[in-house]
Amino acid sequence: MTSKEKFIALAANMIISKSDAIIILQGDKDNRIAHACDLYKNEYSNNIVFSGDALNFDYGSYPLSYLEETFKENNFLVEKIIHENNSKNTKEQAIEVIKLCKQNNWESIILVISNFHQYRAYLTFLQELINQKLDTSIKMYNSPCNLSWFEKNAWGIRHELLETEFEKIKLYQDKGDVCSYDKAIQYIEWIEQH
């Protein structure tokens, strides 16, 4: 089994714990909201952060102002959301969310992302934790949304987007923006042992 295969299995099946914040990464329209609200209702955290402020409907990037109704449908008051609105992409989201962790003394977060995007997002956030020397003090749990792999969206079909995500991982690993699969495996082991 390769490190990549092992990482995929571990990241997709993490056991999550009560955390300081649930982080919804902007993208995939409003499809991540219900899962985040369910985590909140099940008391995994008292805080929900919506990270991102891009406007690109064809890419699935809907600003928070367009998603208020979906939060209401999931019985969550939009006024309670902590909005990180400085980021436009995954790397910027990682930088800005880790800033929030430091400002609020958060020691654990749960990432809520779509199933196809979970691997690159997790590796990107972990690289930022490593850059900030916080990878042994902040626990980051992966909690992907269980969404249809074959649904046709303006931004693509998720099972096809998955292939593109792994191409991006390779590209961004070469640039140093995304950590290695081996480091991610070690980090997930650290989380389980502490």
Protein backbone atom coordinates (compact mmCIF):
# COMPACT_ATOMS: atom_id res chain seq x y z
CA MET A 1 0.00 0.00 0.00
CA THR A 2 1.38 3.42 -0.90
CA SER A 3 1.49 6.40 1.45
CA LYS A 4 -1.10 8.08 -0.76
CA GLU A 5 -3.51 5.14 -0.43
CA LYS A 6 -2.99 4.94 3.31
CA PHE A 7 -3.59 8.69 3.69
CA ILE A 8 -6.80 8.48 1.66
CA ALA A 9 -8.14 5.72 3.93
CA LEU A 10 -7.12 7.46 7.16
CA ALA A 11 -8.28 10.96 6.24
CA ALA A 12 -11.66 9.85 4.91
CA ASN A 13 -12.41 7.87 8.06
CA MET A 14 -11.11 10.02 10.90
CA ILE A 15 -12.76 9.73 14.29
CA ILE A 16 -13.67 13.30 15.20
CA SER A 17 -13.87 14.76 18.68
CA LYS A 18 -15.49 17.80 20.26
CA SER A 19 -13.54 20.80 19.03
CA ASP A 20 -13.21 24.54 19.40
CA ALA A 21 -14.63 25.29 15.95
CA ILE A 22 -16.30 23.73 12.93
CA ILE A 23 -14.76 25.21 9.79
CA ILE A 24 -16.88 25.24 6.63
CA LEU A 25 -14.72 25.89 3.60
CA GLN A 26 -16.54 27.92 0.97
CA GLY A 27 -17.26 25.94 -2.18
CA ASP A 28 -19.63 23.37 -3.69
CA LYS A 29 -22.44 25.95 -3.39
CA ASP A 30 -24.40 25.24 -0.17
CA ASN A 31 -23.76 21.50 -0.02
CA ARG A 32 -21.47 21.64 3.03
CA ILE A 33 -23.84 23.53 5.32
CA ALA A 34 -26.17 20.73 6.44
CA HIS A 35 -23.24 18.57 7.56
CA ALA A 36 -21.68 21.43 9.55
CA CYS A 37 -25.01 22.24 11.18
CA ASP A 38 -25.49 18.57 12.10
CA LEU A 39 -22.08 18.59 13.80
CA TYR A 40 -23.13 21.72 15.69
CA LYS A 41 -26.47 20.19 16.74
CA ASN A 42 -24.60 17.09 17.95
CA GLU A 43 -22.44 19.37 20.12
CA TYR A 44 -19.13 18.81 18.39
CA SER A 45 -18.49 22.54 18.79
CA ASN A 46 -20.09 25.79 19.88
CA ASN A 47 -18.59 27.72 16.95
CA ILE A 48 -19.10 27.60 13.21
CA VAL A 49 -16.65 29.46 10.97
CA PHE A 50 -17.47 30.09 7.31
CA SER A 51 -14.15 30.53 5.51
CA GLY A 52 -14.00 32.31 2.18
CA ASP A 53 -15.38 35.26 0.28
CA ALA A 54 -14.92 34.41 -3.39
CA LEU A 55 -17.71 35.02 -5.90
CA ASN A 56 -17.67 32.50 -8.73
CA PHE A 57 -20.94 30.63 -9.25
CA ASP A 58 -19.52 28.54 -12.10
CA TYR A 59 -16.85 27.24 -9.70
CA GLY A 60 -19.34 26.69 -6.84
CA SER A 61 -18.02 29.63 -4.78
CA TYR A 62 -21.11 31.23 -3.27
CA PRO A 63 -20.53 34.04 -0.74
CA LEU A 64 -22.09 33.74 2.71
CA SER A 65 -24.77 36.30 1.84
CA TYR A 66 -26.14 33.86 -0.78
CA LEU A 67 -26.25 30.98 1.71
CA GLU A 68 -28.18 32.52 4.59
CA GLU A 69 -31.42 30.73 3.67
CA THR A 70 -29.68 27.34 3.73
CA PHE A 71 -28.38 28.04 7.24
CA LYS A 72 -31.92 29.00 8.31
CA GLU A 73 -33.30 25.79 6.80
CA ASN A 74 -30.79 23.93 8.99
CA ASN A 75 -31.91 25.83 12.11
CA PHE A 76 -28.72 27.82 12.51
CA LEU A 77 -28.73 31.60 12.97
CA VAL A 78 -26.48 33.30 10.44
CA GLU A 79 -25.65 35.92 13.08
CA LYS A 80 -23.80 33.24 15.06
CA ILE A 81 -21.39 32.46 12.21
CA ILE A 82 -17.81 33.62 12.48
CA HIS A 83 -17.08 34.79 8.94
CA GLU A 84 -13.50 34.63 7.74
CA ASN A 85 -13.86 36.79 4.64
CA ASN A 86 -10.26 37.47 3.61
CA SER A 87 -9.62 34.28 1.63
CA LYS A 88 -10.33 33.44 -2.00
CA ASN A 89 -8.74 29.97 -2.30
CA THR A 90 -7.78 26.94 -0.21
CA LYS A 91 -4.27 28.14 0.68
CA GLU A 92 -5.59 31.52 1.81
CA GLN A 93 -8.33 29.77 3.79
CA ALA A 94 -5.67 27.75 5.61
CA ILE A 95 -3.67 30.87 6.43
CA GLU A 96 -6.70 32.81 7.66
CA VAL A 97 -8.25 29.97 9.67
CA ILE A 98 -4.95 29.24 11.42
CA LYS A 99 -4.80 32.97 12.30
CA LEU A 100 -8.24 32.58 13.90
CA CYS A 101 -7.00 29.54 15.83
CA LYS A 102 -4.11 31.57 17.23
CA GLN A 103 -6.28 34.61 18.04
CA ASN A 104 -8.88 32.49 19.86
CA ASN A 105 -6.49 29.96 21.43
CA TRP A 106 -8.29 27.14 19.64
CA GLU A 107 -6.62 23.79 20.07
CA SER A 108 -8.86 21.75 17.78
CA ILE A 109 -10.92 22.31 14.64
CA ILE A 110 -13.11 20.20 12.38
CA LEU A 111 -12.79 20.80 8.63
CA VAL A 112 -16.05 20.45 6.72
CA ILE A 113 -15.40 20.04 3.02
CA SER A 114 -16.85 18.15 0.09
CA ASN A 115 -15.75 14.55 -0.39
CA PHE A 116 -13.78 15.30 -3.57
CA HIS A 117 -11.92 18.28 -2.04
CA GLN A 118 -11.17 16.78 1.38
CA TYR A 119 -7.67 15.47 0.63
CA ARG A 120 -6.15 18.61 -0.86
CA ALA A 121 -7.81 20.84 1.72
CA TYR A 122 -6.56 18.71 4.62
CA LEU A 123 -3.01 18.59 3.26
CA THR A 124 -3.04 22.34 2.62
CA PHE A 125 -4.22 23.15 6.13
CA LEU A 126 -1.71 20.74 7.63
CA GLN A 127 1.13 22.40 5.70
CA GLU A 128 0.09 25.73 7.18
CA LEU A 129 0.07 24.22 10.67
CA ILE A 130 3.58 22.90 9.98
CA ASN A 131 4.67 26.32 8.66
CA GLN A 132 3.39 27.94 11.86
CA LYS A 133 4.93 25.18 14.04
CA LEU A 134 1.46 24.34 15.35
CA ASP A 135 1.24 20.75 14.11
CA THR A 136 1.89 19.42 17.60
CA SER A 137 -0.50 21.78 19.37
CA ILE A 138 -3.60 22.06 17.16
CA LYS A 139 -5.65 18.99 16.28
CA MET A 140 -7.41 19.16 12.94
CA TYR A 141 -10.14 16.65 12.21
CA ASN A 142 -11.36 15.86 8.72
CA SER A 143 -15.14 15.58 8.35
CA PRO A 144 -16.08 15.42 4.66
CA CYS A 145 -19.64 15.72 3.43
CA ASN A 146 -21.09 12.54 2.00
CA LEU A 147 -22.27 13.97 -1.33
CA SER A 148 -23.24 12.34 -4.60
CA TRP A 149 -20.17 11.49 -6.66
CA PHE A 150 -22.10 11.56 -9.95
CA GLU A 151 -24.26 14.69 -9.56
CA LYS A 152 -23.75 17.16 -12.40
CA ASN A 153 -22.98 20.66 -11.15
CA ALA A 154 -21.86 23.78 -13.02
CA TRP A 155 -18.41 23.23 -11.49
CA GLY A 156 -18.21 19.56 -12.48
CA ILE A 157 -19.00 16.01 -11.45
CA ARG A 158 -17.38 15.17 -8.11
CA HIS A 159 -15.82 11.85 -9.12
CA GLU A 160 -14.17 13.61 -12.07
CA LEU A 161 -13.09 16.55 -9.89
CA LEU A 162 -11.38 14.05 -7.56
CA GLU A 163 -8.81 13.22 -10.25
CA THR A 164 -8.10 16.93 -10.75
CA GLU A 165 -7.65 17.34 -7.00
CA PHE A 166 -4.87 14.74 -6.91
CA GLU A 167 -3.17 16.44 -9.85
CA LYS A 168 -3.31 19.70 -7.88
CA ILE A 169 -1.94 17.97 -4.79
CA LYS A 170 1.13 16.84 -6.76
CA LEU A 171 1.60 20.32 -8.23
CA TYR A 172 1.21 22.08 -4.88
CA GLN A 173 3.42 19.56 -3.07
CA ASP A 174 6.18 20.43 -5.52
CA LYS A 175 5.64 24.13 -4.68
CA GLY A 176 5.65 23.44 -0.91
CA ASP A 177 2.04 24.55 -0.36
CA VAL A 178 0.72 21.06 0.45
CA CYS A 179 2.36 18.61 2.84
CA SER A 180 3.40 15.07 1.98
CA TYR A 181 1.22 12.03 2.52
CA ASP A 182 3.77 10.65 4.99
CA LYS A 183 3.65 13.79 7.15
CA ALA A 184 -0.14 13.67 7.12
CA ILE A 185 -0.13 10.03 8.26
CA GLN A 186 2.24 10.93 11.12
CA TYR A 187 0.00 13.86 12.07
CA ILE A 188 -3.15 11.72 12.13
CA GLU A 189 -1.30 9.21 14.31
CA TRP A 190 -0.32 12.04 16.68
CA ILE A 191 -3.97 13.15 16.93
CA GLU A 192 -5.12 9.66 17.85
CA GLN A 193 -2.40 9.23 20.47
CA HIS A 194 -2.98 12.58 22.24
